[in-house]
């Protein structure tokens, strides 16, 4: 049997603030296999964000064991953690975190700067990833020239540009409207079907429904771990219909007076 991509054993994280001790994680043991799409849920203060920070190598556990792709992480130095983040993990955030004065292409190139990738290769890899997320015609656009959904697609392209083994998405639809959220989830599902491992942190049940596995945190513990059939985001988009048009299966409202319909169409 193949080793899991993410493997944690008795993972604990303790924060001390003056006389106060906060147990953010309490003995979390969890495996995530290569190619899974997992939603991590829980109320505020449940430990879900701390768990993401630890498996994303943004923070170290206070105790316990964590392996990413077979490599033990908990004793690595800050520079070694940074190298793992750059090589193996792609991050997608709620607020996109794009550089405002930088084009979409240059935003996607950014992680490659830290790995000393030659300029021509950087631009070609960034261009391919933007084409993959449907933004091949927006290479030179700045964030202010893009919609929220397009900005999140740039962020996803940036997460993919270093060919990571794991995508960590923290509330990726939190700043988007419902239809754009479906578009982003359809893209993440497509990446997952192509073999990418996706861990999604969300508080929205309708978004977690697009994952085939849901892990629920409470009081620093993983209290529930459920596999189920994932909802298809592409199908959900089709059912939602075209903006300005009724959803699929819903008849357009008409009037007994054809002139009223003509007037409505002209508005």
C-alpha atoms as a PDB file:
ATOM      1  CA  UNK A   1       0.000   0.000   0.000  1.00  0.00           C
ATOM      2  CA  UNK A   2       1.300   3.456  -0.899  1.00  0.00           C
ATOM      3  CA  UNK A   3       2.210   5.786   1.947  1.00  0.00           C
ATOM      4  CA  UNK A   4      -0.218   8.666   2.494  1.00  0.00           C
ATOM      5  CA  UNK A   5       0.781  12.051   1.132  1.00  0.00           C
ATOM      6  CA  UNK A   6      -0.103  13.715   4.471  1.00  0.00           C
ATOM      7  CA  UNK A   7       0.450  11.700   7.634  1.00  0.00           C
ATOM      8  CA  UNK A   8      -0.017  13.125  11.132  1.00  0.00           C
ATOM      9  CA  UNK A   9       0.277  11.274  14.428  1.00  0.00           C
ATOM     10  CA  UNK A  10      -0.773  12.763  17.793  1.00  0.00           C
ATOM     11  CA  UNK A  11      -0.291  16.273  16.424  1.00  0.00           C
ATOM     12  CA  UNK A  12      -0.488  18.958  19.124  1.00  0.00           C
ATOM     13  CA  UNK A  13      -0.110  22.721  18.974  1.00  0.00           C
ATOM     14  CA  UNK A  14      -0.014  24.889  22.092  1.00  0.00           C
ATOM     15  CA  UNK A  15       0.079  28.680  22.131  1.00  0.00           C
ATOM     16  CA  UNK A  16       1.055  30.534  25.292  1.00  0.00           C
ATOM     17  CA  UNK A  17      -0.011  34.154  25.653  1.00  0.00           C
ATOM     18  CA  UNK A  18       1.031  35.482  29.051  1.00  0.00           C
ATOM     19  CA  UNK A  19      -0.691  33.336  31.657  1.00  0.00           C
ATOM     20  CA  UNK A  20      -3.063  31.843  29.074  1.00  0.00           C
ATOM     21  CA  UNK A  21      -2.436  28.497  27.382  1.00  0.00           C
ATOM     22  CA  UNK A  22      -4.399  27.632  24.253  1.00  0.00           C
ATOM     23  CA  UNK A  23      -4.471  24.030  23.025  1.00  0.00           C
ATOM     24  CA  UNK A  24      -5.138  24.651  19.343  1.00  0.00           C
ATOM     25  CA  UNK A  25      -4.559  21.015  18.319  1.00  0.00           C
ATOM     26  CA  UNK A  26      -5.021  18.056  20.654  1.00  0.00           C
ATOM     27  CA  UNK A  27      -3.520  14.812  19.367  1.00  0.00           C
ATOM     28  CA  UNK A  28      -4.709  14.891  15.742  1.00  0.00           C
ATOM     29  CA  UNK A  29      -4.016  11.651  13.842  1.00  0.00           C
ATOM     30  CA  UNK A  30      -4.977  11.813  10.184  1.00  0.00           C
ATOM     31  CA  UNK A  31      -3.908  10.422   6.801  1.00  0.00           C
ATOM     32  CA  UNK A  32      -4.631  12.036   3.433  1.00  0.00           C
ATOM     33  CA  UNK A  33      -3.865   9.940   0.362  1.00  0.00           C
ATOM     34  CA  UNK A  34      -2.425  11.199  -2.903  1.00  0.00           C
ATOM     35  CA  UNK A  35      -5.291  12.314  -5.145  1.00  0.00           C
ATOM     36  CA  UNK A  36      -7.889  12.962  -2.448  1.00  0.00           C
ATOM     37  CA  UNK A  37     -10.038  16.086  -2.198  1.00  0.00           C
ATOM     38  CA  UNK A  38     -10.739  16.780   1.473  1.00  0.00           C
ATOM     39  CA  UNK A  39     -12.811  19.527   3.086  1.00  0.00           C
ATOM     40  CA  UNK A  40     -11.785  20.568   6.603  1.00  0.00           C
ATOM     41  CA  UNK A  41     -14.600  22.194   8.564  1.00  0.00           C
ATOM     42  CA  UNK A  42     -15.316  23.461  12.044  1.00  0.00           C
ATOM     43  CA  UNK A  43     -16.422  26.542  13.972  1.00  0.00           C
ATOM     44  CA  UNK A  44     -14.113  29.448  14.770  1.00  0.00           C
ATOM     45  CA  UNK A  45     -11.444  28.300  17.215  1.00  0.00           C
ATOM     46  CA  UNK A  46     -11.888  24.627  16.348  1.00  0.00           C
ATOM     47  CA  UNK A  47      -8.296  24.139  15.168  1.00  0.00           C
ATOM     48  CA  UNK A  48      -8.954  23.791  11.445  1.00  0.00           C
ATOM     49  CA  UNK A  49      -6.803  26.798  10.477  1.00  0.00           C
ATOM     50  CA  UNK A  50      -4.003  25.710  12.814  1.00  0.00           C
ATOM     51  CA  UNK A  51      -4.105  22.262  11.221  1.00  0.00           C
ATOM     52  CA  UNK A  52      -3.797  23.834   7.782  1.00  0.00           C
ATOM     53  CA  UNK A  53      -0.880  25.996   8.922  1.00  0.00           C
ATOM     54  CA  UNK A  54       0.952  22.929  10.240  1.00  0.00           C
ATOM     55  CA  UNK A  55       0.421  20.713   7.195  1.00  0.00           C
ATOM     56  CA  UNK A  56       1.285  23.719   5.017  1.00  0.00           C
ATOM     57  CA  UNK A  57       4.629  24.056   6.837  1.00  0.00           C
ATOM     58  CA  UNK A  58       3.701  27.588   7.914  1.00  0.00           C
ATOM     59  CA  UNK A  59       3.970  26.530  11.560  1.00  0.00           C
ATOM     60  CA  UNK A  60       5.502  23.667  13.513  1.00  0.00           C
ATOM     61  CA  UNK A  61       3.629  21.400  15.918  1.00  0.00           C
ATOM     62  CA  UNK A  62       4.414  21.574  19.632  1.00  0.00           C
ATOM     63  CA  UNK A  63       4.554  17.768  19.657  1.00  0.00           C
ATOM     64  CA  UNK A  64       3.597  14.835  17.508  1.00  0.00           C
ATOM     65  CA  UNK A  65       4.706  13.700  14.075  1.00  0.00           C
ATOM     66  CA  UNK A  66       4.011  15.026  10.580  1.00  0.00           C
ATOM     67  CA  UNK A  67       5.187  13.620   7.251  1.00  0.00           C
ATOM     68  CA  UNK A  68       4.606  15.206   3.851  1.00  0.00           C
ATOM     69  CA  UNK A  69       5.306  12.878   0.925  1.00  0.00           C
ATOM     70  CA  UNK A  70       7.301  10.635   3.268  1.00  0.00           C
ATOM     71  CA  UNK A  71       9.487  13.429   4.665  1.00  0.00           C
ATOM     72  CA  UNK A  72       9.330  14.173   8.396  1.00  0.00           C
ATOM     73  CA  UNK A  73       8.627  17.861   8.885  1.00  0.00           C
ATOM     74  CA  UNK A  74       8.437  18.662  12.591  1.00  0.00           C
ATOM     75  CA  UNK A  75      12.204  19.070  13.157  1.00  0.00           C
ATOM     76  CA  UNK A  76      13.081  21.067  10.043  1.00  0.00           C
ATOM     77  CA  UNK A  77      14.626  24.531  10.117  1.00  0.00           C
ATOM     78  CA  UNK A  78      12.834  27.645   8.887  1.00  0.00           C
ATOM     79  CA  UNK A  79      14.820  27.589   5.614  1.00  0.00           C
ATOM     80  CA  UNK A  80      14.018  23.918   5.065  1.00  0.00           C
ATOM     81  CA  UNK A  81      10.322  24.564   5.693  1.00  0.00           C
ATOM     82  CA  UNK A  82      10.394  27.437   3.198  1.00  0.00           C
ATOM     83  CA  UNK A  83      11.943  25.148   0.594  1.00  0.00           C
ATOM     84  CA  UNK A  84       9.193  22.551   1.116  1.00  0.00           C
ATOM     85  CA  UNK A  85       6.493  25.221   0.796  1.00  0.00           C
ATOM     86  CA  UNK A  86       8.024  26.437  -2.446  1.00  0.00           C
ATOM     87  CA  UNK A  87       8.551  22.994  -4.015  1.00  0.00           C
ATOM     88  CA  UNK A  88       5.668  20.905  -2.778  1.00  0.00           C
ATOM     89  CA  UNK A  89       2.721  23.043  -1.658  1.00  0.00           C
ATOM     90  CA  UNK A  90       0.506  25.482  -3.514  1.00  0.00           C
ATOM     91  CA  UNK A  91      -1.566  27.928  -1.453  1.00  0.00           C
ATOM     92  CA  UNK A  92      -4.899  29.537  -2.379  1.00  0.00           C
ATOM     93  CA  UNK A  93      -6.289  32.198  -0.033  1.00  0.00           C
ATOM     94  CA  UNK A  94      -9.656  33.889   0.413  1.00  0.00           C
ATOM     95  CA  UNK A  95      -8.336  37.366  -0.476  1.00  0.00           C
ATOM     96  CA  UNK A  96      -6.247  36.192  -3.479  1.00  0.00           C
ATOM     97  CA  UNK A  97      -3.041  37.931  -2.220  1.00  0.00           C
ATOM     98  CA  UNK A  98      -2.050  39.221  -5.652  1.00  0.00           C
ATOM     99  CA  UNK A  99       0.409  42.079  -6.169  1.00  0.00           C
ATOM    100  CA  UNK A 100      -1.727  45.017  -7.308  1.00  0.00           C
ATOM    101  CA  UNK A 101       0.827  46.631  -9.639  1.00  0.00           C
ATOM    102  CA  UNK A 102       1.881  43.376 -11.251  1.00  0.00           C
ATOM    103  CA  UNK A 103       0.348  41.600 -14.245  1.00  0.00           C
ATOM    104  CA  UNK A 104      -1.355  38.222 -13.994  1.00  0.00           C
ATOM    105  CA  UNK A 105       1.645  36.606 -15.690  1.00  0.00           C
ATOM    106  CA  UNK A 106       4.114  38.215 -13.283  1.00  0.00           C
ATOM    107  CA  UNK A 107       1.989  37.253 -10.265  1.00  0.00           C
ATOM    108  CA  UNK A 108       2.044  33.621 -11.362  1.00  0.00           C
ATOM    109  CA  UNK A 109       5.795  33.755 -12.007  1.00  0.00           C
ATOM    110  CA  UNK A 110       6.514  34.905  -8.451  1.00  0.00           C
ATOM    111  CA  UNK A 111       7.062  31.500  -6.757  1.00  0.00           C
ATOM    112  CA  UNK A 112       9.564  30.599  -9.483  1.00  0.00           C
ATOM    113  CA  UNK A 113      11.732  33.579  -8.558  1.00  0.00           C
ATOM    114  CA  UNK A 114      12.531  31.910  -5.245  1.00  0.00           C
ATOM    115  CA  UNK A 115      13.689  28.719  -6.968  1.00  0.00           C
ATOM    116  CA  UNK A 116      16.091  30.553  -9.331  1.00  0.00           C
ATOM    117  CA  UNK A 117      14.195  29.430 -12.433  1.00  0.00           C
ATOM    118  CA  UNK A 118      15.505  31.141 -15.619  1.00  0.00           C
ATOM    119  CA  UNK A 119      13.345  34.042 -16.829  1.00  0.00           C
ATOM    120  CA  UNK A 120      12.266  32.451 -20.119  1.00  0.00           C
ATOM    121  CA  UNK A 121      11.206  29.241 -18.371  1.00  0.00           C
ATOM    122  CA  UNK A 122       9.371  31.247 -15.684  1.00  0.00           C
ATOM    123  CA  UNK A 123       7.288  33.068 -18.258  1.00  0.00           C
ATOM    124  CA  UNK A 124       6.491  29.918 -20.226  1.00  0.00           C
ATOM    125  CA  UNK A 125       5.433  27.937 -17.134  1.00  0.00           C
ATOM    126  CA  UNK A 126       3.316  30.839 -15.872  1.00  0.00           C
ATOM    127  CA  UNK A 127       1.684  31.249 -19.283  1.00  0.00           C
ATOM    128  CA  UNK A 128       0.788  27.535 -19.429  1.00  0.00           C
ATOM    129  CA  UNK A 129      -0.783  27.615 -15.977  1.00  0.00           C
ATOM    130  CA  UNK A 130      -2.842  30.715 -16.796  1.00  0.00           C
ATOM    131  CA  UNK A 131      -4.059  29.011 -19.964  1.00  0.00           C
ATOM    132  CA  UNK A 132      -4.937  25.952 -17.885  1.00  0.00           C
ATOM    133  CA  UNK A 133      -7.246  28.031 -15.671  1.00  0.00           C
ATOM    134  CA  UNK A 134      -8.842  29.763 -18.659  1.00  0.00           C
ATOM    135  CA  UNK A 135      -6.961  33.076 -18.541  1.00  0.00           C
ATOM    136  CA  UNK A 136      -4.689  32.780 -21.540  1.00  0.00           C
ATOM    137  CA  UNK A 137      -6.141  36.027 -22.879  1.00  0.00           C
ATOM    138  CA  UNK A 138      -5.546  37.928 -19.619  1.00  0.00           C
ATOM    139  CA  UNK A 139      -1.770  37.538 -19.228  1.00  0.00           C
ATOM    140  CA  UNK A 140      -1.033  41.266 -19.102  1.00  0.00           C
ATOM    141  CA  UNK A 141      -4.040  42.312 -17.032  1.00  0.00           C
ATOM    142  CA  UNK A 142      -3.509  43.697 -13.538  1.00  0.00           C
ATOM    143  CA  UNK A 143      -5.716  42.564 -10.613  1.00  0.00           C
ATOM    144  CA  UNK A 144      -7.873  45.696 -10.771  1.00  0.00           C
ATOM    145  CA  UNK A 145      -8.734  44.776 -14.376  1.00  0.00           C
ATOM    146  CA  UNK A 146      -9.973  41.316 -13.374  1.00  0.00           C
ATOM    147  CA  UNK A 147     -13.148  40.123 -11.688  1.00  0.00           C
ATOM    148  CA  UNK A 148     -12.990  38.393  -8.317  1.00  0.00           C
ATOM    149  CA  UNK A 149     -13.309  34.986  -9.945  1.00  0.00           C
ATOM    150  CA  UNK A 150     -10.544  35.784 -12.416  1.00  0.00           C
ATOM    151  CA  UNK A 151      -8.292  36.955  -9.588  1.00  0.00           C
ATOM    152  CA  UNK A 152      -8.850  33.675  -7.773  1.00  0.00           C
ATOM    153  CA  UNK A 153      -7.995  31.811 -10.988  1.00  0.00           C
ATOM    154  CA  UNK A 154      -4.713  33.738 -11.136  1.00  0.00           C
ATOM    155  CA  UNK A 155      -4.094  32.697  -7.530  1.00  0.00           C
ATOM    156  CA  UNK A 156      -4.783  29.051  -8.428  1.00  0.00           C
ATOM    157  CA  UNK A 157      -2.414  29.291 -11.415  1.00  0.00           C
ATOM    158  CA  UNK A 158       0.239  30.712  -9.062  1.00  0.00           C
ATOM    159  CA  UNK A 159      -0.349  27.800  -6.669  1.00  0.00           C
ATOM    160  CA  UNK A 160       0.197  25.333  -9.524  1.00  0.00           C
ATOM    161  CA  UNK A 161       3.222  26.898 -11.200  1.00  0.00           C
ATOM    162  CA  UNK A 162       5.819  25.006  -9.147  1.00  0.00           C
ATOM    163  CA  UNK A 163       4.110  21.632  -9.806  1.00  0.00           C
ATOM    164  CA  UNK A 164       3.201  20.996  -6.142  1.00  0.00           C
ATOM    165  CA  UNK A 165       2.021  17.689  -4.709  1.00  0.00           C
ATOM    166  CA  UNK A 166      -0.590  19.408  -2.538  1.00  0.00           C
ATOM    167  CA  UNK A 167      -2.973  22.361  -2.922  1.00  0.00           C
ATOM    168  CA  UNK A 168      -4.127  24.002   0.316  1.00  0.00           C
ATOM    169  CA  UNK A 169      -7.130  26.253  -0.226  1.00  0.00           C
ATOM    170  CA  UNK A 170      -8.174  28.426   2.736  1.00  0.00           C
ATOM    171  CA  UNK A 171     -11.769  29.661   2.250  1.00  0.00           C
ATOM    172  CA  UNK A 172     -11.138  30.046  -1.519  1.00  0.00           C
ATOM    173  CA  UNK A 173     -14.738  31.074  -2.229  1.00  0.00           C
ATOM    174  CA  UNK A 174     -15.237  33.309   0.810  1.00  0.00           C
ATOM    175  CA  UNK A 175     -14.913  36.559  -1.185  1.00  0.00           C
ATOM    176  CA  UNK A 176     -16.897  35.378  -4.221  1.00  0.00           C
ATOM    177  CA  UNK A 177     -20.543  35.337  -5.254  1.00  0.00           C
ATOM    178  CA  UNK A 178     -22.375  32.029  -5.552  1.00  0.00           C
ATOM    179  CA  UNK A 179     -21.890  31.468  -9.295  1.00  0.00           C
ATOM    180  CA  UNK A 180     -18.208  32.418  -9.246  1.00  0.00           C
ATOM    181  CA  UNK A 181     -17.778  30.087  -6.259  1.00  0.00           C
ATOM    182  CA  UNK A 182     -19.138  27.239  -8.387  1.00  0.00           C
ATOM    183  CA  UNK A 183     -16.686  28.124 -11.167  1.00  0.00           C
ATOM    184  CA  UNK A 184     -13.740  28.022  -8.748  1.00  0.00           C
ATOM    185  CA  UNK A 185     -14.908  24.719  -7.248  1.00  0.00           C
ATOM    186  CA  UNK A 186     -15.318  23.254 -10.738  1.00  0.00           C
ATOM    187  CA  UNK A 187     -11.702  24.200 -11.454  1.00  0.00           C
ATOM    188  CA  UNK A 188     -10.455  22.653  -8.185  1.00  0.00           C
ATOM    189  CA  UNK A 189     -12.438  19.487  -8.899  1.00  0.00           C
ATOM    190  CA  UNK A 190     -10.927  19.284 -12.386  1.00  0.00           C
ATOM    191  CA  UNK A 191      -7.423  19.600 -10.931  1.00  0.00           C
ATOM    192  CA  UNK A 192      -8.291  16.852  -8.454  1.00  0.00           C
ATOM    193  CA  UNK A 193      -9.541  14.576 -11.239  1.00  0.00           C
ATOM    194  CA  UNK A 194      -6.180  15.084 -12.924  1.00  0.00           C
ATOM    195  CA  UNK A 195      -4.466  13.738  -9.794  1.00  0.00           C
ATOM    196  CA  UNK A 196      -3.865  16.820  -7.637  1.00  0.00           C
ATOM    197  CA  UNK A 197      -4.419  16.428  -3.889  1.00  0.00           C
ATOM    198  CA  UNK A 198      -6.618  19.252  -2.605  1.00  0.00           C
ATOM    199  CA  UNK A 199      -7.274  20.155   1.037  1.00  0.00           C
ATOM    200  CA  UNK A 200      -9.983  22.776   1.370  1.00  0.00           C
ATOM    201  CA  UNK A 201     -10.700  24.707   4.573  1.00  0.00           C
ATOM    202  CA  UNK A 202     -14.226  26.100   4.615  1.00  0.00           C
ATOM    203  CA  UNK A 203     -17.105  26.912   6.930  1.00  0.00           C
ATOM    204  CA  UNK A 204     -19.658  26.665   4.107  1.00  0.00           C
ATOM    205  CA  UNK A 205     -21.526  23.352   3.918  1.00  0.00           C
ATOM    206  CA  UNK A 206     -22.519  23.910   0.296  1.00  0.00           C
ATOM    207  CA  UNK A 207     -18.837  24.261  -0.625  1.00  0.00           C
ATOM    208  CA  UNK A 208     -17.712  21.247   1.421  1.00  0.00           C
ATOM    209  CA  UNK A 209     -20.258  19.176  -0.546  1.00  0.00           C
ATOM    210  CA  UNK A 210     -17.873  19.272  -3.525  1.00  0.00           C
ATOM    211  CA  UNK A 211     -15.263  17.246  -1.602  1.00  0.00           C
ATOM    212  CA  UNK A 212     -15.394  13.454  -1.359  1.00  0.00           C
ATOM    213  CA  UNK A 213     -14.249  13.525   2.263  1.00  0.00           C
ATOM    214  CA  UNK A 214     -15.137  15.908   5.101  1.00  0.00           C
ATOM    215  CA  UNK A 215     -13.113  16.179   8.318  1.00  0.00           C
ATOM    216  CA  UNK A 216     -14.719  18.194  11.113  1.00  0.00           C
ATOM    217  CA  UNK A 217     -12.669  19.838  13.864  1.00  0.00           C
ATOM    218  CA  UNK A 218     -13.901  20.883  17.300  1.00  0.00           C
ATOM    219  CA  UNK A 219     -11.868  22.010  20.321  1.00  0.00           C
ATOM    220  CA  UNK A 220      -8.600  21.098  18.609  1.00  0.00           C
ATOM    221  CA  UNK A 221      -9.670  17.540  17.756  1.00  0.00           C
ATOM    222  CA  UNK A 222     -10.772  15.868  14.535  1.00  0.00           C
ATOM    223  CA  UNK A 223     -14.183  14.677  15.750  1.00  0.00           C
ATOM    224  CA  UNK A 224     -15.602  13.429  12.457  1.00  0.00           C
ATOM    225  CA  UNK A 225     -14.106  11.975   9.275  1.00  0.00           C
ATOM    226  CA  UNK A 226     -16.647  11.050   6.611  1.00  0.00           C
ATOM    227  CA  UNK A 227     -16.253   9.850   3.023  1.00  0.00           C
ATOM    228  CA  UNK A 228     -19.184  10.439   0.699  1.00  0.00           C
ATOM    229  CA  UNK A 229     -20.092  11.077  -2.923  1.00  0.00           C
ATOM    230  CA  UNK A 230     -19.021  14.566  -3.935  1.00  0.00           C
ATOM    231  CA  UNK A 231     -21.382  16.935  -5.670  1.00  0.00           C
ATOM    232  CA  UNK A 232     -20.263  17.815  -9.217  1.00  0.00           C
ATOM    233  CA  UNK A 233     -19.550  21.564  -9.483  1.00  0.00           C
ATOM    234  CA  UNK A 234     -19.723  21.550 -13.286  1.00  0.00           C
ATOM    235  CA  UNK A 235     -23.194  20.019 -13.101  1.00  0.00           C
ATOM    236  CA  UNK A 236     -24.166  22.558 -10.437  1.00  0.00           C
ATOM    237  CA  UNK A 237     -23.059  25.339 -12.794  1.00  0.00           C
ATOM    238  CA  UNK A 238     -25.214  23.926 -15.595  1.00  0.00           C
ATOM    239  CA  UNK A 239     -28.187  23.722 -13.251  1.00  0.00           C
ATOM    240  CA  UNK A 240     -27.635  27.331 -12.169  1.00  0.00           C
ATOM    241  CA  UNK A 241     -28.047  28.509 -15.757  1.00  0.00           C
ATOM    242  CA  UNK A 242     -26.534  31.496 -17.537  1.00  0.00           C
ATOM    243  CA  UNK A 243     -26.425  34.810 -15.601  1.00  0.00           C
ATOM    244  CA  UNK A 244     -29.602  36.732 -16.352  1.00  0.00           C
ATOM    245  CA  UNK A 245     -31.394  33.582 -17.498  1.00  0.00           C
ATOM    246  CA  UNK A 246     -33.560  31.170 -15.479  1.00  0.00           C
ATOM    247  CA  UNK A 247     -31.902  28.004 -14.100  1.00  0.00           C
ATOM    248  CA  UNK A 248     -32.058  24.839 -16.161  1.00  0.00           C
ATOM    249  CA  UNK A 249     -35.504  23.288 -16.036  1.00  0.00           C
ATOM    250  CA  UNK A 250     -37.207  26.564 -15.087  1.00  0.00           C
ATOM    251  CA  UNK A 251     -39.373  28.077 -17.804  1.00  0.00           C
ATOM    252  CA  UNK A 252     -38.880  31.745 -18.634  1.00  0.00           C
ATOM    253  CA  UNK A 253     -41.769  33.838 -17.390  1.00  0.00           C
ATOM    254  CA  UNK A 254     -43.925  35.098 -20.240  1.00  0.00           C
ATOM    255  CA  UNK A 255     -46.819  37.474 -20.453  1.00  0.00           C
ATOM    256  CA  UNK A 256     -50.165  37.014 -22.092  1.00  0.00           C
ATOM    257  CA  UNK A 257     -49.342  40.190 -24.017  1.00  0.00           C
ATOM    258  CA  UNK A 258     -46.382  39.613 -26.402  1.00  0.00           C
ATOM    259  CA  UNK A 259     -45.694  43.362 -26.399  1.00  0.00           C
ATOM    260  CA  UNK A 260     -44.902  43.155 -22.667  1.00  0.00           C
ATOM    261  CA  UNK A 261     -42.312  40.451 -23.353  1.00  0.00           C
ATOM    262  CA  UNK A 262     -40.739  42.618 -26.066  1.00  0.00           C
ATOM    263  CA  UNK A 263     -40.565  45.576 -23.724  1.00  0.00           C
ATOM    264  CA  UNK A 264     -39.009  43.443 -20.966  1.00  0.00           C
ATOM    265  CA  UNK A 265     -36.372  42.131 -23.392  1.00  0.00           C
ATOM    266  CA  UNK A 266     -35.402  45.690 -24.371  1.00  0.00           C
ATOM    267  CA  UNK A 267     -34.840  46.831 -20.751  1.00  0.00           C
END
